[in-house]
């Protein structure tokens, strides 16, 4: 059985798969876990059935949809930059379709959370409501920008829409990591562990972030004329052979 004596005594009363024992995509990665605790999804000791519930399924479906949506939006600009306008239009259609699907799932999710996770639902329509409103407005702006083919700005607004969904979920269940039994403070490791992890993350970011920015800049540059000619010449030689 996972958990410290304090958390075990409080969480052992919740039935497996109940809303009280369900984790969220945010809570699973929000706080470093100490050796005394375990991830929310297996708080009841069953790694499978603890995730087989409407709230967890809703979170998984939304995660897949928003990843597909962001991929389509970002590829629109890449395709147009490379001169493939027809391919950009195809990605644009996929992005709009995925956005519509995500919106429908989100509306259905309101009723799912209200019935299956009432505490999380109350948080979303309470303290997290301003964040959710920002997400909705950014999502609407992204759709409009896609329709008028402003792909560069659509990248920013769509990223904001998705990021605020995660922030809103975290705000809705704060200060709990596992509603309503395990708080962030209870799940956190020792202070020395948290300090060491923070230092490592900061040092790692100093190497990783510049590399990611440089890679993004390289892939965002339009192809040079001499490079395009070299590719065409290579293709011509291959066809002759």
Protein backbone atom coordinates (compact mmCIF):
# COMPACT_ATOMS: atom_id res chain seq x y z
CA UNK A 1 0.00 0.00 0.00
CA UNK A 2 1.37 3.39 -0.97
CA UNK A 3 1.23 6.50 1.19
CA UNK A 4 2.41 7.77 4.51
CA UNK A 5 0.55 6.80 7.71
CA UNK A 6 -1.30 10.08 7.57
CA UNK A 7 -2.36 9.79 3.92
CA UNK A 8 -3.12 6.09 4.16
CA UNK A 9 -5.53 6.58 7.01
CA UNK A 10 -7.39 9.25 5.08
CA UNK A 11 -7.40 7.66 1.62
CA UNK A 12 -8.05 4.05 2.57
CA UNK A 13 -11.73 4.82 3.12
CA UNK A 14 -12.31 5.83 -0.50
CA UNK A 15 -13.48 3.05 -2.82
CA UNK A 16 -11.40 2.12 -5.81
CA UNK A 17 -12.31 4.20 -8.85
CA UNK A 18 -14.39 6.73 -6.90
CA UNK A 19 -14.06 10.44 -7.72
CA UNK A 20 -12.21 10.95 -4.46
CA UNK A 21 -9.33 8.73 -5.58
CA UNK A 22 -8.99 9.87 -9.17
CA UNK A 23 -6.01 11.85 -10.36
CA UNK A 24 -5.91 14.34 -13.19
CA UNK A 25 -3.37 14.91 -15.98
CA UNK A 26 -2.21 17.95 -14.03
CA UNK A 27 -1.96 16.32 -10.64
CA UNK A 28 0.07 13.43 -12.02
CA UNK A 29 2.95 15.79 -12.81
CA UNK A 30 2.33 18.76 -10.55
CA UNK A 31 4.46 17.84 -7.54
CA UNK A 32 7.50 15.61 -6.94
CA UNK A 33 6.41 12.60 -4.91
CA UNK A 34 8.28 11.52 -1.84
CA UNK A 35 8.98 7.83 -1.07
CA UNK A 36 6.04 7.96 1.34
CA UNK A 37 3.47 8.58 -1.41
CA UNK A 38 2.43 7.19 -4.75
CA UNK A 39 0.95 8.63 -7.99
CA UNK A 40 -2.75 9.53 -7.76
CA UNK A 41 -3.80 7.00 -10.37
CA UNK A 42 -2.68 4.09 -8.18
CA UNK A 43 -3.54 5.59 -4.80
CA UNK A 44 -5.98 2.75 -4.18
CA UNK A 45 -3.41 0.12 -5.15
CA UNK A 46 -4.95 -0.91 -8.49
CA UNK A 47 -3.06 0.48 -11.46
CA UNK A 48 -5.81 -0.41 -13.98
CA UNK A 49 -9.24 0.08 -12.45
CA UNK A 50 -8.25 3.35 -10.78
CA UNK A 51 -8.08 4.92 -14.24
CA UNK A 52 -11.22 3.29 -15.66
CA UNK A 53 -13.72 6.01 -14.81
CA UNK A 54 -15.41 8.83 -16.74
CA UNK A 55 -13.16 11.62 -15.44
CA UNK A 56 -9.91 9.85 -16.31
CA UNK A 57 -11.22 8.84 -19.74
CA UNK A 58 -12.32 12.42 -20.38
CA UNK A 59 -8.84 13.68 -19.50
CA UNK A 60 -7.21 11.16 -21.83
CA UNK A 61 -9.49 11.98 -24.76
CA UNK A 62 -8.94 15.72 -24.32
CA UNK A 63 -5.17 15.21 -24.13
CA UNK A 64 -5.14 13.35 -27.46
CA UNK A 65 -7.40 15.91 -29.13
CA UNK A 66 -5.45 18.98 -28.06
CA UNK A 67 -2.15 17.38 -29.15
CA UNK A 68 -3.62 16.61 -32.58
CA UNK A 69 -5.03 20.13 -32.77
CA UNK A 70 -1.73 21.81 -31.92
CA UNK A 71 0.16 19.61 -34.38
CA UNK A 72 -2.21 20.56 -37.21
CA UNK A 73 -2.03 24.28 -36.39
CA UNK A 74 1.77 24.33 -36.27
CA UNK A 75 2.08 22.33 -39.50
CA UNK A 76 -0.11 24.84 -41.35
CA UNK A 77 2.58 27.51 -41.16
CA UNK A 78 5.39 25.06 -41.89
CA UNK A 79 3.65 23.79 -45.03
CA UNK A 80 2.94 27.28 -46.32
CA UNK A 81 6.51 28.40 -45.60
CA UNK A 82 7.77 25.53 -47.73
CA UNK A 83 5.46 26.56 -50.55
CA UNK A 84 2.92 23.74 -50.18
CA UNK A 85 -0.25 25.78 -49.96
CA UNK A 86 -2.47 22.80 -50.76
CA UNK A 87 -0.91 20.85 -47.88
CA UNK A 88 -1.37 23.86 -45.59
CA UNK A 89 -5.07 23.89 -46.47
CA UNK A 90 -5.32 20.20 -45.59
CA UNK A 91 -3.75 20.80 -42.18
CA UNK A 92 -6.04 23.81 -41.74
CA UNK A 93 -9.07 21.61 -42.36
CA UNK A 94 -7.79 19.05 -39.87
CA UNK A 95 -7.13 21.75 -37.28
CA UNK A 96 -10.64 23.18 -37.62
CA UNK A 97 -12.17 19.71 -37.44
CA UNK A 98 -10.16 18.79 -34.37
CA UNK A 99 -11.05 22.11 -32.73
CA UNK A 100 -14.75 21.43 -33.29
CA UNK A 101 -14.41 17.90 -31.89
CA UNK A 102 -12.52 19.18 -28.86
CA UNK A 103 -15.25 21.74 -28.24
CA UNK A 104 -17.96 19.08 -28.32
CA UNK A 105 -15.98 16.81 -25.98
CA UNK A 106 -15.42 19.77 -23.65
CA UNK A 107 -19.15 20.52 -23.50
CA UNK A 108 -19.95 16.88 -22.77
CA UNK A 109 -17.15 16.90 -20.21
CA UNK A 110 -18.96 19.56 -18.18
CA UNK A 111 -21.77 17.12 -17.46
CA UNK A 112 -19.31 14.27 -16.90
CA UNK A 113 -17.41 16.22 -14.25
CA UNK A 114 -20.59 17.44 -12.62
CA UNK A 115 -21.78 13.87 -12.12
CA UNK A 116 -18.47 12.07 -11.62
CA UNK A 117 -16.17 14.65 -9.96
CA UNK A 118 -18.33 17.31 -8.28
CA UNK A 119 -15.46 18.86 -6.30
CA UNK A 120 -13.41 19.39 -9.45
CA UNK A 121 -16.49 20.73 -11.24
CA UNK A 122 -17.12 23.25 -8.47
CA UNK A 123 -13.52 24.40 -8.71
CA UNK A 124 -13.77 24.87 -12.47
CA UNK A 125 -16.86 27.06 -12.22
CA UNK A 126 -15.45 28.81 -9.16
CA UNK A 127 -11.88 29.99 -8.68
CA UNK A 128 -10.74 28.60 -12.05
CA UNK A 129 -13.53 30.20 -14.10
CA UNK A 130 -11.45 33.24 -15.23
CA UNK A 131 -8.74 30.92 -16.53
CA UNK A 132 -11.31 28.80 -18.39
CA UNK A 133 -12.80 31.95 -19.93
CA UNK A 134 -9.34 32.91 -21.22
CA UNK A 135 -9.00 29.43 -22.72
CA UNK A 136 -12.35 29.68 -24.47
CA UNK A 137 -11.60 33.14 -25.88
CA UNK A 138 -8.18 32.03 -27.09
CA UNK A 139 -9.76 28.96 -28.71
CA UNK A 140 -12.32 31.08 -30.53
CA UNK A 141 -9.60 33.48 -31.68
CA UNK A 142 -7.57 30.52 -32.98
CA UNK A 143 -10.50 29.28 -35.05
CA UNK A 144 -11.02 32.73 -36.57
CA UNK A 145 -7.32 33.04 -37.36
CA UNK A 146 -7.30 29.63 -39.01
CA UNK A 147 -10.28 30.58 -41.14
CA UNK A 148 -8.51 33.72 -42.39
CA UNK A 149 -5.23 31.77 -42.71
CA UNK A 150 -3.21 33.77 -40.16
CA UNK A 151 -1.23 30.73 -39.13
CA UNK A 152 1.56 32.50 -37.28
CA UNK A 153 -0.71 34.23 -34.77
CA UNK A 154 -2.89 31.11 -34.61
CA UNK A 155 0.08 29.24 -33.19
CA UNK A 156 0.22 31.63 -30.25
CA UNK A 157 -3.50 31.72 -29.51
CA UNK A 158 -3.91 27.96 -29.81
CA UNK A 159 -0.98 27.40 -27.44
CA UNK A 160 -2.56 29.80 -24.95
CA UNK A 161 -5.90 27.97 -25.25
CA UNK A 162 -4.34 24.60 -24.47
CA UNK A 163 -2.02 25.88 -21.72
CA UNK A 164 -4.86 27.60 -19.87
CA UNK A 165 -6.84 24.35 -19.85
CA UNK A 166 -4.05 22.73 -17.83
CA UNK A 167 -3.67 25.78 -15.60
CA UNK A 168 -7.43 25.92 -15.02
CA UNK A 169 -7.53 22.25 -14.03
CA UNK A 170 -4.71 22.80 -11.53
CA UNK A 171 -6.35 25.93 -10.10
CA UNK A 172 -9.69 24.12 -9.80
CA UNK A 173 -8.34 21.41 -7.52
CA UNK A 174 -5.79 23.50 -5.61
CA UNK A 175 -4.46 22.82 -2.98
CA UNK A 176 -5.26 19.15 -3.56
CA UNK A 177 -3.19 16.79 -5.62
CA UNK A 178 -5.69 13.98 -5.10
CA UNK A 179 -9.19 15.23 -4.36
CA UNK A 180 -10.16 15.38 -1.54
CA UNK A 181 -7.58 13.42 0.47
CA UNK A 182 -4.04 14.35 -0.57
CA UNK A 183 -2.78 17.93 -0.71
CA UNK A 184 0.28 19.15 -2.56
CA UNK A 185 2.06 19.75 0.73
CA UNK A 186 1.37 16.22 1.93
CA UNK A 187 2.58 14.68 -1.33
CA UNK A 188 5.75 16.75 -1.58
CA UNK A 189 9.11 15.23 -0.74
CA UNK A 190 11.53 16.53 1.87
CA UNK A 191 12.75 20.12 1.53
CA UNK A 192 16.26 19.01 0.59
CA UNK A 193 14.83 16.86 -2.19
CA UNK A 194 12.73 19.72 -3.55
CA UNK A 195 15.66 22.14 -3.44
CA UNK A 196 17.94 19.67 -5.21
CA UNK A 197 15.32 18.97 -7.87
CA UNK A 198 14.75 22.70 -8.43
CA UNK A 199 18.46 23.32 -8.88
CA UNK A 200 18.78 20.43 -11.33
CA UNK A 201 15.76 21.63 -13.34
CA UNK A 202 17.14 25.17 -13.54
CA UNK A 203 20.59 23.99 -14.64
CA UNK A 204 19.07 21.60 -17.16
CA UNK A 205 16.86 24.36 -18.54
CA UNK A 206 19.92 26.52 -19.18
CA UNK A 207 21.09 23.85 -21.65
CA UNK A 208 17.77 22.58 -22.96
CA UNK A 209 15.85 25.83 -23.56
CA UNK A 210 18.47 27.50 -25.81
CA UNK A 211 18.82 24.27 -27.79
CA UNK A 212 15.06 24.05 -28.31
CA UNK A 213 14.88 27.72 -29.33
CA UNK A 214 17.74 27.29 -31.79
CA UNK A 215 16.13 24.18 -33.28
CA UNK A 216 12.82 26.03 -33.65
CA UNK A 217 14.58 28.94 -35.37
CA UNK A 218 16.37 26.61 -37.78
CA UNK A 219 13.17 24.82 -38.75
CA UNK A 220 11.33 28.14 -39.09
CA UNK A 221 13.72 29.54 -41.68
CA UNK A 222 12.54 29.43 -45.29
CA UNK A 223 14.59 27.14 -47.57
CA UNK A 224 17.46 28.84 -49.36
CA UNK A 225 17.42 29.00 -53.14
CA UNK A 226 20.71 27.13 -53.52
CA UNK A 227 19.45 24.37 -51.20
CA UNK A 228 16.27 23.98 -53.22
CA UNK A 229 18.27 23.79 -56.45
CA UNK A 230 20.55 21.16 -54.93
CA UNK A 231 17.56 19.06 -53.88
CA UNK A 232 16.03 19.32 -57.36
CA UNK A 233 19.34 18.37 -58.99
CA UNK A 234 19.68 15.38 -56.67
CA UNK A 235 16.15 14.28 -57.52
CA UNK A 236 16.89 14.60 -61.24
CA UNK A 237 20.00 12.45 -60.95
CA UNK A 238 18.09 9.83 -59.00
CA UNK A 239 15.36 9.66 -61.65
CA UNK A 240 17.95 9.22 -64.39
CA UNK A 241 19.62 6.35 -62.54
